[in-house]
Amino acid sequence: MSEDTTSGNSNPEVQEGVLNQPVHVHGESFTSRVVGVKFREVGKVYDFDAREFKFVRGDHVVCDFEDKGMMLGKVSKPTILIPPEALKLKLQPVLRPANHNDLKNRERHQNQEKEALVYTKNLVETAHLPMHVIAVEIPLHGKKAIVYFSSEQRVDFRDLVKDLVHYFKMRVELRQLGARDETKFIGGIGPCGQETCCSRFLTSFHKVSTKMAKDQGLSLTPTKVSGNCGRLKCCLAYEQPVYAEARKTLPKLGNCVKCSSGGDGKGSGCGIVSKLDVLRQMVTVKFDDGGIETVPVGRIIEQDTFAGKPSEKAKVIQDSDVLEEDEIFSDEE
């Protein structure tokens, strides 16, 4: 099915960069040469052993990638020299620099993937299968096709696989993706009006919790804090360190505090913290005489003034009050 991919390298920069001996820097011998490679335009960068090759950013290389087999990747981080003892795991070696035939094969496979995606979606629609086909991927060796899909329930796709094998004339694998990975594949415009972060620059997903939304004073309404994928917005984590640092100078909700008087003589005495403005560093206090005033944090001169006094007017947020991501969306599901 695939053309010959063993012809000589046509990249003169790579040919000139071949090193046959270990590199010596400042009198120290480095034999571990590491290069960062990614296999999608916006994807995770994987480290490989560069062997004797010297690569620069943008070079195309052929690697044996996990269980997919031979894949065409692009150098994202140029070759660096690392002492062997600094490596915790043995790295997979780069097979070779990509040549003209590799690039032609990848272009041909991309055309096949587009046609196969339309064909697969038609099969799924005809069979009324409860699944959404996201993408089709054919590795460089052309010996198998990988179909990515999402589904909220178990799917019996045995008949579908048979039809796909007959269509591709090669081995077929179906891999299920989660909501976040599906959005990363498809892309789109987020609630902010910008292209989704995951399809634009995020190479991996980080943990996001509703505690971040609470710390930032955001509404916990699912439509307000969820992204295109239906899960919590990844951008909640962007400003979290700033809010976490700013909260260190603020009292907690429900704490009893003592305030100094302002220039107008108001806002002095003891009360309970009922609201916080983290970025402006302002604290809303309900005083014992029933008055409510928002004061700067600098006027809080003492906290837990009445530690033994039960607080019924304001609730202190405990760890048990923090919902996990699955809980906040359970009502909608």
C-alpha atoms as a PDB file:
ATOM      1  CA  MET A   1       0.000   0.000   0.000  1.00  0.00           C
ATOM      2  CA  SER A   2       2.749   2.502   0.893  1.00  0.00           C
ATOM      3  CA  GLU A   3       5.664   3.636  -1.239  1.00  0.00           C
ATOM      4  CA  ASP A   4       9.297   2.946  -0.471  1.00  0.00           C
ATOM      5  CA  THR A   5      10.458   5.120   2.425  1.00  0.00           C
ATOM      6  CA  THR A   6      14.105   3.998   2.580  1.00  0.00           C
ATOM      7  CA  SER A   7      15.648   6.269  -0.028  1.00  0.00           C
ATOM      8  CA  GLY A   8      18.491   8.647   0.905  1.00  0.00           C
ATOM      9  CA  ASN A   9      18.014  11.828   2.847  1.00  0.00           C
ATOM     10  CA  SER A  10      17.346  14.920   0.731  1.00  0.00           C
ATOM     11  CA  ASN A  11      17.793  17.462   3.533  1.00  0.00           C
ATOM     12  CA  PRO A  12      21.293  18.970   3.231  1.00  0.00           C
ATOM     13  CA  GLU A  13      21.054  20.570   6.683  1.00  0.00           C
ATOM     14  CA  VAL A  14      20.544  17.174   8.273  1.00  0.00           C
ATOM     15  CA  GLN A  15      23.332  15.595   6.246  1.00  0.00           C
ATOM     16  CA  GLU A  16      25.780  18.257   7.345  1.00  0.00           C
ATOM     17  CA  GLY A  17      24.705  17.792  10.971  1.00  0.00           C
ATOM     18  CA  VAL A  18      25.555  14.076  11.215  1.00  0.00           C
ATOM     19  CA  LEU A  19      27.933  13.503  14.119  1.00  0.00           C
ATOM     20  CA  ASN A  20      29.823  10.212  14.292  1.00  0.00           C
ATOM     21  CA  GLN A  21      31.588  10.861  17.602  1.00  0.00           C
ATOM     22  CA  PRO A  22      30.373  11.891  21.072  1.00  0.00           C
ATOM     23  CA  VAL A  23      30.295  15.665  21.534  1.00  0.00           C
ATOM     24  CA  HIS A  24      32.715  17.234  24.033  1.00  0.00           C
ATOM     25  CA  VAL A  25      31.707  20.437  25.799  1.00  0.00           C
ATOM     26  CA  HIS A  26      33.948  22.163  28.378  1.00  0.00           C
ATOM     27  CA  GLY A  27      36.017  19.048  28.769  1.00  0.00           C
ATOM     28  CA  GLU A  28      33.017  16.853  29.584  1.00  0.00           C
ATOM     29  CA  SER A  29      31.767  14.071  27.312  1.00  0.00           C
ATOM     30  CA  PHE A  30      28.058  14.036  26.470  1.00  0.00           C
ATOM     31  CA  THR A  31      26.720  10.935  24.758  1.00  0.00           C
ATOM     32  CA  SER A  32      22.973  11.501  25.346  1.00  0.00           C
ATOM     33  CA  ARG A  33      21.499  13.726  22.667  1.00  0.00           C
ATOM     34  CA  VAL A  34      17.796  14.508  23.120  1.00  0.00           C
ATOM     35  CA  VAL A  35      15.366  16.036  20.622  1.00  0.00           C
ATOM     36  CA  GLY A  36      11.716  17.051  21.169  1.00  0.00           C
ATOM     37  CA  VAL A  37       9.225  15.805  18.556  1.00  0.00           C
ATOM     38  CA  LYS A  38       5.484  16.373  18.175  1.00  0.00           C
ATOM     39  CA  PHE A  39       3.148  14.474  15.858  1.00  0.00           C
ATOM     40  CA  ARG A  40       0.298  17.009  15.680  1.00  0.00           C
ATOM     41  CA  GLU A  41       0.451  20.757  15.127  1.00  0.00           C
ATOM     42  CA  VAL A  42      -0.894  21.339  18.632  1.00  0.00           C
ATOM     43  CA  GLY A  43       0.158  18.247  20.497  1.00  0.00           C
ATOM     44  CA  LYS A  44       2.363  17.013  23.286  1.00  0.00           C
ATOM     45  CA  VAL A  45       6.120  17.172  22.709  1.00  0.00           C
ATOM     46  CA  TYR A  46       7.848  13.805  23.166  1.00  0.00           C
ATOM     47  CA  ASP A  47      11.551  13.357  23.850  1.00  0.00           C
ATOM     48  CA  PHE A  48      13.550  11.016  21.609  1.00  0.00           C
ATOM     49  CA  ASP A  49      17.169   9.953  21.397  1.00  0.00           C
ATOM     50  CA  ALA A  50      18.625  11.945  18.480  1.00  0.00           C
ATOM     51  CA  ARG A  51      21.391   9.375  18.000  1.00  0.00           C
ATOM     52  CA  GLU A  52      24.120  10.755  15.701  1.00  0.00           C
ATOM     53  CA  PHE A  53      21.823  13.254  13.989  1.00  0.00           C
ATOM     54  CA  LYS A  54      21.741  16.979  14.623  1.00  0.00           C
ATOM     55  CA  PHE A  55      18.255  18.433  14.133  1.00  0.00           C
ATOM     56  CA  VAL A  56      16.945  21.981  14.135  1.00  0.00           C
ATOM     57  CA  ARG A  57      13.414  23.160  14.886  1.00  0.00           C
ATOM     58  CA  GLY A  58      11.057  22.396  11.991  1.00  0.00           C
ATOM     59  CA  ASP A  59      12.914  19.330  10.654  1.00  0.00           C
ATOM     60  CA  HIS A  60      10.754  16.311   9.820  1.00  0.00           C
ATOM     61  CA  VAL A  61      11.762  12.996  11.357  1.00  0.00           C
ATOM     62  CA  VAL A  62      10.516   9.405  11.369  1.00  0.00           C
ATOM     63  CA  CYS A  63       9.971   7.815  14.794  1.00  0.00           C
ATOM     64  CA  ASP A  64       8.559   4.593  16.175  1.00  0.00           C
ATOM     65  CA  PHE A  65       5.800   6.169  18.264  1.00  0.00           C
ATOM     66  CA  GLU A  66       4.226   4.095  21.048  1.00  0.00           C
ATOM     67  CA  ASP A  67       1.813   1.490  19.632  1.00  0.00           C
ATOM     68  CA  LYS A  68       1.065   3.384  16.421  1.00  0.00           C
ATOM     69  CA  GLY A  69       4.242   2.298  14.675  1.00  0.00           C
ATOM     70  CA  MET A  70       6.255   4.429  12.284  1.00  0.00           C
ATOM     71  CA  MET A  71       5.065   8.057  12.376  1.00  0.00           C
ATOM     72  CA  LEU A  72       6.150  11.283  10.722  1.00  0.00           C
ATOM     73  CA  GLY A  73       6.868  14.004  13.283  1.00  0.00           C
ATOM     74  CA  LYS A  74       8.236  17.523  13.402  1.00  0.00           C
ATOM     75  CA  VAL A  75      11.093  18.685  15.612  1.00  0.00           C
ATOM     76  CA  SER A  76       9.720  21.122  18.197  1.00  0.00           C
ATOM     77  CA  LYS A  77      12.812  21.346  20.423  1.00  0.00           C
ATOM     78  CA  PRO A  78      16.246  21.201  18.727  1.00  0.00           C
ATOM     79  CA  THR A  79      18.895  18.704  19.771  1.00  0.00           C
ATOM     80  CA  ILE A  80      20.323  19.291  23.240  1.00  0.00           C
ATOM     81  CA  LEU A  81      23.171  17.539  25.051  1.00  0.00           C
ATOM     82  CA  ILE A  82      22.374  15.877  28.373  1.00  0.00           C
ATOM     83  CA  PRO A  83      24.625  13.830  30.672  1.00  0.00           C
ATOM     84  CA  PRO A  84      23.504  10.185  30.568  1.00  0.00           C
ATOM     85  CA  GLU A  85      23.051  10.089  34.369  1.00  0.00           C
ATOM     86  CA  ALA A  86      20.460  12.891  34.123  1.00  0.00           C
ATOM     87  CA  LEU A  87      18.055  10.712  32.140  1.00  0.00           C
ATOM     88  CA  LYS A  88      15.547   8.825  34.280  1.00  0.00           C
ATOM     89  CA  LEU A  89      14.176   6.659  31.462  1.00  0.00           C
ATOM     90  CA  LYS A  90      15.657   5.195  28.331  1.00  0.00           C
ATOM     91  CA  LEU A  91      14.445   7.161  25.324  1.00  0.00           C
ATOM     92  CA  GLN A  92      13.246   5.699  22.049  1.00  0.00           C
ATOM     93  CA  PRO A  93      15.647   6.607  19.225  1.00  0.00           C
ATOM     94  CA  VAL A  94      14.694   8.639  16.161  1.00  0.00           C
ATOM     95  CA  LEU A  95      14.675   6.164  13.281  1.00  0.00           C
ATOM     96  CA  ARG A  96      15.971   8.623  10.679  1.00  0.00           C
ATOM     97  CA  PRO A  97      15.428  12.064   9.161  1.00  0.00           C
ATOM     98  CA  ALA A  98      12.381  12.180   6.903  1.00  0.00           C
ATOM     99  CA  ASN A  99      13.010  12.105   3.159  1.00  0.00           C
ATOM    100  CA  HIS A 100      10.987  13.163   0.135  1.00  0.00           C
ATOM    101  CA  ASN A 101       9.128   9.837  -0.072  1.00  0.00           C
ATOM    102  CA  ASP A 102       8.052  10.130   3.581  1.00  0.00           C
ATOM    103  CA  LEU A 103       6.549  13.556   2.970  1.00  0.00           C
ATOM    104  CA  LYS A 104       4.756  12.364  -0.179  1.00  0.00           C
ATOM    105  CA  ASN A 105       3.389   9.329   1.661  1.00  0.00           C
ATOM    106  CA  ARG A 106       2.104  11.523   4.491  1.00  0.00           C
ATOM    107  CA  GLU A 107       0.393  13.832   2.007  1.00  0.00           C
ATOM    108  CA  ARG A 108      -1.238  10.848   0.321  1.00  0.00           C
ATOM    109  CA  HIS A 109      -2.377   9.457   3.681  1.00  0.00           C
ATOM    110  CA  GLN A 110      -3.915  12.805   4.640  1.00  0.00           C
ATOM    111  CA  ASN A 111      -6.073  12.700   1.511  1.00  0.00           C
ATOM    112  CA  GLN A 112      -7.086   9.129   2.347  1.00  0.00           C
ATOM    113  CA  GLU A 113      -7.953  10.176   5.915  1.00  0.00           C
ATOM    114  CA  LYS A 114     -10.344  12.895   4.698  1.00  0.00           C
ATOM    115  CA  GLU A 115     -12.151  10.478   2.376  1.00  0.00           C
ATOM    116  CA  ALA A 116     -12.207   7.758   5.038  1.00  0.00           C
ATOM    117  CA  LEU A 117     -13.677  10.139   7.634  1.00  0.00           C
ATOM    118  CA  VAL A 118     -16.663  10.914   5.396  1.00  0.00           C
ATOM    119  CA  TYR A 119     -17.130   7.215   4.559  1.00  0.00           C
ATOM    120  CA  THR A 120     -16.946   6.168   8.231  1.00  0.00           C
ATOM    121  CA  LYS A 121     -19.465   8.817   9.319  1.00  0.00           C
ATOM    122  CA  ASN A 122     -21.881   7.592   6.648  1.00  0.00           C
ATOM    123  CA  LEU A 123     -21.513   4.001   7.873  1.00  0.00           C
ATOM    124  CA  VAL A 124     -22.183   5.044  11.473  1.00  0.00           C
ATOM    125  CA  GLU A 125     -25.226   7.062  10.457  1.00  0.00           C
ATOM    126  CA  THR A 126     -26.607   4.214   8.353  1.00  0.00           C
ATOM    127  CA  ALA A 127     -26.129   1.701  11.178  1.00  0.00           C
ATOM    128  CA  HIS A 128     -27.646   4.152  13.729  1.00  0.00           C
ATOM    129  CA  LEU A 129     -24.726   3.651  16.093  1.00  0.00           C
ATOM    130  CA  PRO A 130     -24.651   5.976  19.160  1.00  0.00           C
ATOM    131  CA  MET A 131     -21.156   7.283  18.482  1.00  0.00           C
ATOM    132  CA  HIS A 132     -19.508  10.369  16.995  1.00  0.00           C
ATOM    133  CA  VAL A 133     -16.589   9.792  14.627  1.00  0.00           C
ATOM    134  CA  ILE A 134     -13.926  12.448  15.234  1.00  0.00           C
ATOM    135  CA  ALA A 135     -10.944  11.647  13.025  1.00  0.00           C
ATOM    136  CA  VAL A 136      -9.143   8.965  11.047  1.00  0.00           C
ATOM    137  CA  GLU A 137      -5.376   8.538  11.228  1.00  0.00           C
ATOM    138  CA  ILE A 138      -3.120   6.413   9.009  1.00  0.00           C
ATOM    139  CA  PRO A 139       0.481   6.000  10.254  1.00  0.00           C
ATOM    140  CA  LEU A 140       3.409   6.391   7.895  1.00  0.00           C
ATOM    141  CA  HIS A 141       3.857   2.656   7.366  1.00  0.00           C
ATOM    142  CA  GLY A 142       0.283   2.425   6.004  1.00  0.00           C
ATOM    143  CA  LYS A 143      -0.396  -0.936   7.634  1.00  0.00           C
ATOM    144  CA  LYS A 144      -3.324   0.115   9.815  1.00  0.00           C
ATOM    145  CA  ALA A 145      -5.929   2.849  10.230  1.00  0.00           C
ATOM    146  CA  ILE A 146      -6.950   4.358  13.570  1.00  0.00           C
ATOM    147  CA  VAL A 147     -10.500   5.701  13.933  1.00  0.00           C
ATOM    148  CA  TYR A 148     -11.105   8.088  16.848  1.00  0.00           C
ATOM    149  CA  PHE A 149     -14.649   8.406  18.208  1.00  0.00           C
ATOM    150  CA  SER A 150     -16.599   9.529  21.251  1.00  0.00           C
ATOM    151  CA  SER A 151     -19.674   7.996  22.829  1.00  0.00           C
ATOM    152  CA  GLU A 152     -21.559   8.260  26.098  1.00  0.00           C
ATOM    153  CA  GLN A 153     -22.440   4.554  26.124  1.00  0.00           C
ATOM    154  CA  ARG A 154     -21.085   1.177  25.115  1.00  0.00           C
ATOM    155  CA  VAL A 155     -21.142   0.567  21.378  1.00  0.00           C
ATOM    156  CA  ASP A 156     -21.139  -2.740  19.534  1.00  0.00           C
ATOM    157  CA  PHE A 157     -19.088  -1.802  16.489  1.00  0.00           C
ATOM    158  CA  ARG A 158     -18.032  -5.283  15.330  1.00  0.00           C
ATOM    159  CA  ASP A 159     -19.940  -4.979  12.062  1.00  0.00           C
ATOM    160  CA  LEU A 160     -18.531  -1.487  11.587  1.00  0.00           C
ATOM    161  CA  VAL A 161     -14.972  -2.772  11.939  1.00  0.00           C
ATOM    162  CA  LYS A 162     -15.616  -5.449   9.314  1.00  0.00           C
ATOM    163  CA  ASP A 163     -16.894  -2.849   6.854  1.00  0.00           C
ATOM    164  CA  LEU A 164     -13.913  -0.577   7.566  1.00  0.00           C
ATOM    165  CA  VAL A 165     -11.409  -3.401   7.097  1.00  0.00           C
ATOM    166  CA  HIS A 166     -13.002  -4.153   3.735  1.00  0.00           C
ATOM    167  CA  TYR A 167     -12.782  -0.450   2.817  1.00  0.00           C
ATOM    168  CA  PHE A 168      -9.218   0.226   4.021  1.00  0.00           C
ATOM    169  CA  LYS A 169      -7.744  -3.162   3.083  1.00  0.00           C
ATOM    170  CA  MET A 170      -5.673  -2.951   6.253  1.00  0.00           C
ATOM    171  CA  ARG A 171      -5.951  -3.435  10.010  1.00  0.00           C
ATOM    172  CA  VAL A 172      -8.422  -1.049  11.728  1.00  0.00           C
ATOM    173  CA  GLU A 173      -8.387   0.154  15.351  1.00  0.00           C
ATOM    174  CA  LEU A 174     -11.163   2.161  17.044  1.00  0.00           C
ATOM    175  CA  ARG A 175     -10.111   4.397  19.946  1.00  0.00           C
ATOM    176  CA  GLN A 176     -12.517   6.237  22.205  1.00  0.00           C
ATOM    177  CA  LEU A 177     -11.718   9.807  23.281  1.00  0.00           C
ATOM    178  CA  GLY A 178     -13.006  11.869  26.196  1.00  0.00           C
ATOM    179  CA  ALA A 179     -14.845  15.183  25.939  1.00  0.00           C
ATOM    180  CA  ARG A 180     -11.702  17.314  26.248  1.00  0.00           C
ATOM    181  CA  ASP A 181      -9.728  15.346  23.651  1.00  0.00           C
ATOM    182  CA  GLU A 182     -12.670  15.498  21.258  1.00  0.00           C
ATOM    183  CA  THR A 183     -12.779  19.300  21.464  1.00  0.00           C
ATOM    184  CA  LYS A 184      -9.001  19.437  20.977  1.00  0.00           C
ATOM    185  CA  PHE A 185      -9.345  17.412  17.758  1.00  0.00           C
ATOM    186  CA  ILE A 186     -12.272  19.427  16.394  1.00  0.00           C
ATOM    187  CA  GLY A 187     -11.361  22.930  17.589  1.00  0.00           C
ATOM    188  CA  GLY A 188     -13.820  25.819  17.639  1.00  0.00           C
ATOM    189  CA  ILE A 189     -14.514  29.220  19.166  1.00  0.00           C
ATOM    190  CA  GLY A 190     -14.760  29.462  22.940  1.00  0.00           C
ATOM    191  CA  PRO A 191     -17.149  31.634  25.014  1.00  0.00           C
ATOM    192  CA  CYS A 192     -14.461  34.353  25.078  1.00  0.00           C
ATOM    193  CA  GLY A 193     -14.588  34.706  21.279  1.00  0.00           C
ATOM    194  CA  GLN A 194     -11.097  33.248  20.826  1.00  0.00           C
ATOM    195  CA  GLU A 195     -10.147  29.893  19.333  1.00  0.00           C
ATOM    196  CA  THR A 196     -10.249  27.188  22.007  1.00  0.00           C
ATOM    197  CA  CYS A 197      -7.037  26.990  24.033  1.00  0.00           C
ATOM    198  CA  CYS A 198      -6.736  23.219  23.673  1.00  0.00           C
ATOM    199  CA  SER A 199      -6.745  23.332  19.862  1.00  0.00           C
ATOM    200  CA  ARG A 200      -4.528  26.430  19.712  1.00  0.00           C
ATOM    201  CA  PHE A 201      -1.654  25.988  22.170  1.00  0.00           C
ATOM    202  CA  LEU A 202      -2.348  23.566  25.047  1.00  0.00           C
ATOM    203  CA  THR A 203      -0.154  20.497  24.603  1.00  0.00           C
ATOM    204  CA  SER A 204      -1.638  18.707  27.630  1.00  0.00           C
ATOM    205  CA  PHE A 205      -4.569  19.127  30.003  1.00  0.00           C
ATOM    206  CA  HIS A 206      -4.136  20.218  33.604  1.00  0.00           C
ATOM    207  CA  LYS A 207      -6.429  19.558  36.555  1.00  0.00           C
ATOM    208  CA  VAL A 208      -9.272  22.040  37.002  1.00  0.00           C
ATOM    209  CA  SER A 209     -11.657  22.091  39.978  1.00  0.00           C
ATOM    210  CA  THR A 210     -14.640  24.111  41.133  1.00  0.00           C
ATOM    211  CA  LYS A 211     -12.502  25.410  44.011  1.00  0.00           C
ATOM    212  CA  MET A 212     -10.724  27.560  41.418  1.00  0.00           C
ATOM    213  CA  ALA A 213     -14.043  29.100  40.360  1.00  0.00           C
ATOM    214  CA  LYS A 214     -14.961  29.735  44.006  1.00  0.00           C
ATOM    215  CA  ASP A 215     -11.598  31.339  44.724  1.00  0.00           C
ATOM    216  CA  GLN A 216     -12.126  33.671  41.766  1.00  0.00           C
ATOM    217  CA  GLY A 217     -15.661  34.573  42.838  1.00  0.00           C
ATOM    218  CA  LEU A 218     -17.304  33.052  39.757  1.00  0.00           C
ATOM    219  CA  SER A 219     -20.802  31.609  39.529  1.00  0.00           C
ATOM    220  CA  LEU A 220     -20.905  27.816  39.685  1.00  0.00           C
ATOM    221  CA  THR A 221     -23.654  27.641  37.059  1.00  0.00           C
ATOM    222  CA  PRO A 222     -22.476  24.970  34.576  1.00  0.00           C
ATOM    223  CA  THR A 223     -23.184  27.185  31.577  1.00  0.00           C
ATOM    224  CA  LYS A 224     -20.913  29.873  33.057  1.00  0.00           C
ATOM    225  CA  VAL A 225     -17.891  27.765  34.008  1.00  0.00           C
ATOM    226  CA  SER A 226     -17.966  25.099  31.271  1.00  0.00           C
ATOM    227  CA  GLY A 227     -16.241  25.234  27.900  1.00  0.00           C
ATOM    228  CA  ASN A 228     -17.141  23.797  24.494  1.00  0.00           C
ATOM    229  CA  CYS A 229     -16.379  20.305  25.779  1.00  0.00           C
ATOM    230  CA  GLY A 230     -18.992  20.597  28.537  1.00  0.00           C
ATOM    231  CA  ARG A 231     -16.330  20.325  31.222  1.00  0.00           C
ATOM    232  CA  LEU A 232     -14.783  23.034  33.399  1.00  0.00           C
ATOM    233  CA  LYS A 233     -12.897  25.682  31.425  1.00  0.00           C
ATOM    234  CA  CYS A 234      -9.148  25.096  31.269  1.00  0.00           C
ATOM    235  CA  CYS A 235      -8.600  28.859  31.595  1.00  0.00           C
ATOM    236  CA  LEU A 236      -9.767  28.723  35.236  1.00  0.00           C
ATOM    237  CA  ALA A 237      -6.255  27.555  36.064  1.00  0.00           C
ATOM    238  CA  TYR A 238      -4.511  30.469  34.343  1.00  0.00           C
ATOM    239  CA  GLU A 239      -5.188  33.100  37.031  1.00  0.00           C
ATOM    240  CA  GLN A 240      -5.453  30.717  39.966  1.00  0.00           C
ATOM    241  CA  PRO A 241      -1.891  31.395  41.269  1.00  0.00           C
ATOM    242  CA  VAL A 242      -2.655  35.154  41.371  1.00  0.00           C
ATOM    243  CA  TYR A 243      -5.883  34.608  43.308  1.00  0.00           C
ATOM    244  CA  ALA A 244      -4.223  32.100  45.642  1.00  0.00           C
ATOM    245  CA  GLU A 245      -1.457  34.586  46.455  1.00  0.00           C
ATOM    246  CA  ALA A 246      -3.912  37.474  46.924  1.00  0.00           C
ATOM    247  CA  ARG A 247      -6.086  35.412  49.289  1.00  0.00           C
ATOM    248  CA  LYS A 248      -3.184  34.943  51.710  1.00  0.00           C
ATOM    249  CA  THR A 249      -3.683  38.512  52.998  1.00  0.00           C
ATOM    250  CA  LEU A 250      -7.470  38.189  53.358  1.00  0.00           C
ATOM    251  CA  PRO A 251      -9.501  36.706  56.226  1.00  0.00           C
ATOM    252  CA  LYS A 252     -11.743  33.755  55.471  1.00  0.00           C
ATOM    253  CA  LEU A 253     -15.494  33.989  54.983  1.00  0.00           C
ATOM    254  CA  GLY A 254     -17.286  33.676  58.305  1.00  0.00           C
ATOM    255  CA  ASN A 255     -14.266  34.718  60.380  1.00  0.00           C
ATOM    256  CA  CYS A 256     -14.780  37.181  63.239  1.00  0.00           C
ATOM    257  CA  VAL A 257     -12.546  40.227  62.726  1.00  0.00           C
ATOM    258  CA  LYS A 258     -11.768  43.545  64.402  1.00  0.00           C
ATOM    259  CA  CYS A 259     -11.548  46.647  62.225  1.00  0.00           C
ATOM    260  CA  SER A 260      -9.926  50.010  62.864  1.00  0.00           C
ATOM    261  CA  SER A 261     -11.995  53.111  62.167  1.00  0.00           C
ATOM    262  CA  GLY A 262     -11.685  54.952  58.882  1.00  0.00           C
ATOM    263  CA  GLY A 263     -11.099  58.644  58.331  1.00  0.00           C
ATOM    264  CA  ASP A 264     -14.811  59.300  58.802  1.00  0.00           C
ATOM    265  CA  GLY A 265     -14.884  57.383  62.062  1.00  0.00           C
ATOM    266  CA  LYS A 266     -17.032  54.635  60.580  1.00  0.00           C
ATOM    267  CA  GLY A 267     -16.342  50.949  60.245  1.00  0.00           C
ATOM    268  CA  SER A 268     -14.755  50.380  63.644  1.00  0.00           C
ATOM    269  CA  GLY A 269     -15.513  47.465  65.939  1.00  0.00           C
ATOM    270  CA  CYS A 270     -15.954  43.707  65.552  1.00  0.00           C
ATOM    271  CA  GLY A 271     -17.952  41.771  63.002  1.00  0.00           C
ATOM    272  CA  ILE A 272     -18.187  38.773  60.677  1.00  0.00           C
ATOM    273  CA  VAL A 273     -16.697  38.580  57.169  1.00  0.00           C
ATOM    274  CA  SER A 274     -19.580  38.145  54.726  1.00  0.00           C
ATOM    275  CA  LYS A 275     -17.901  38.842  51.357  1.00  0.00           C
ATOM    276  CA  LEU A 276     -14.441  39.159  49.808  1.00  0.00           C
ATOM    277  CA  ASP A 277     -13.171  41.081  46.779  1.00  0.00           C
ATOM    278  CA  VAL A 278      -9.883  39.284  46.190  1.00  0.00           C
ATOM    279  CA  LEU A 279      -8.352  41.459  43.465  1.00  0.00           C
ATOM    280  CA  ARG A 280      -9.326  44.789  45.058  1.00  0.00           C
ATOM    281  CA  GLN A 281      -8.320  43.480  48.522  1.00  0.00           C
ATOM    282  CA  MET A 282     -11.628  44.617  50.046  1.00  0.00           C
ATOM    283  CA  VAL A 283     -13.551  42.870  52.840  1.00  0.00           C
ATOM    284  CA  THR A 284     -17.280  43.224  53.536  1.00  0.00           C
ATOM    285  CA  VAL A 285     -17.926  43.028  57.274  1.00  0.00           C
ATOM    286  CA  LYS A 286     -21.265  42.748  59.089  1.00  0.00           C
ATOM    287  CA  PHE A 287     -20.768  44.384  62.475  1.00  0.00           C
ATOM    288  CA  ASP A 288     -22.352  43.374  65.754  1.00  0.00           C
ATOM    289  CA  ASP A 289     -24.647  46.422  65.675  1.00  0.00           C
ATOM    290  CA  GLY A 290     -26.124  45.249  62.357  1.00  0.00           C
ATOM    291  CA  GLY A 291     -24.186  47.647  60.143  1.00  0.00           C
ATOM    292  CA  ILE A 292     -22.494  46.433  56.961  1.00  0.00           C
ATOM    293  CA  GLU A 293     -19.442  48.077  55.415  1.00  0.00           C
ATOM    294  CA  THR A 294     -16.793  47.179  52.858  1.00  0.00           C
ATOM    295  CA  VAL A 295     -13.331  48.033  54.183  1.00  0.00           C
ATOM    296  CA  PRO A 296      -9.757  47.633  52.834  1.00  0.00           C
ATOM    297  CA  VAL A 297      -7.878  44.657  54.186  1.00  0.00           C
ATOM    298  CA  GLY A 298      -5.412  47.070  55.786  1.00  0.00           C
ATOM    299  CA  ARG A 299      -8.063  48.029  58.317  1.00  0.00           C
ATOM    300  CA  ILE A 300      -8.421  44.445  59.575  1.00  0.00           C
ATOM    301  CA  ILE A 301      -6.271  44.609  62.714  1.00  0.00           C
ATOM    302  CA  GLU A 302      -7.265  41.323  64.319  1.00  0.00           C
ATOM    303  CA  GLN A 303      -8.891  38.067  63.221  1.00  0.00           C
ATOM    304  CA  ASP A 304     -10.875  35.434  65.126  1.00  0.00           C
ATOM    305  CA  THR A 305     -11.730  38.085  67.732  1.00  0.00           C
ATOM    306  CA  PHE A 306     -14.598  35.961  69.056  1.00  0.00           C
ATOM    307  CA  ALA A 307     -13.281  32.505  68.346  1.00  0.00           C
ATOM    308  CA  GLY A 308     -15.780  30.919  70.704  1.00  0.00           C
ATOM    309  CA  LYS A 309     -18.780  32.702  69.239  1.00  0.00           C
ATOM    310  CA  PRO A 310     -20.824  30.492  66.842  1.00  0.00           C
ATOM    311  CA  SER A 311     -21.249  32.047  63.434  1.00  0.00           C
ATOM    312  CA  GLU A 312     -24.793  31.659  62.123  1.00  0.00           C
ATOM    313  CA  LYS A 313     -24.861  34.666  59.826  1.00  0.00           C
ATOM    314  CA  ALA A 314     -22.136  33.567  57.436  1.00  0.00           C
ATOM    315  CA  LYS A 315     -20.983  30.131  56.412  1.00  0.00           C
ATOM    316  CA  VAL A 316     -17.320  29.176  56.475  1.00  0.00           C
ATOM    317  CA  ILE A 317     -16.315  27.283  53.333  1.00  0.00           C
ATOM    318  CA  GLN A 318     -14.890  23.908  54.278  1.00  0.00           C
ATOM    319  CA  ASP A 319     -13.068  21.386  52.080  1.00  0.00           C
ATOM    320  CA  SER A 320     -16.235  19.255  52.114  1.00  0.00           C
ATOM    321  CA  ASP A 321     -18.113  22.101  50.401  1.00  0.00           C
ATOM    322  CA  VAL A 322     -15.851  21.963  47.343  1.00  0.00           C
ATOM    323  CA  LEU A 323     -17.480  20.000  44.551  1.00  0.00           C
ATOM    324  CA  GLU A 324     -15.530  17.872  42.140  1.00  0.00           C
ATOM    325  CA  GLU A 325     -16.011  18.416  38.415  1.00  0.00           C
ATOM    326  CA  ASP A 326     -18.180  15.299  37.998  1.00  0.00           C
ATOM    327  CA  GLU A 327     -20.548  16.446  40.771  1.00  0.00           C
ATOM    328  CA  ILE A 328     -21.280  19.904  39.400  1.00  0.00           C
ATOM    329  CA  PHE A 329     -22.364  18.499  36.043  1.00  0.00           C
ATOM    330  CA  SER A 330     -24.277  15.483  37.430  1.00  0.00           C
ATOM    331  CA  ASP A 331     -27.611  17.314  37.532  1.00  0.00           C
ATOM    332  CA  GLU A 332     -27.473  18.142  33.823  1.00  0.00           C
ATOM    333  CA  GLU A 333     -26.590  14.629  32.829  1.00  0.00           C
END
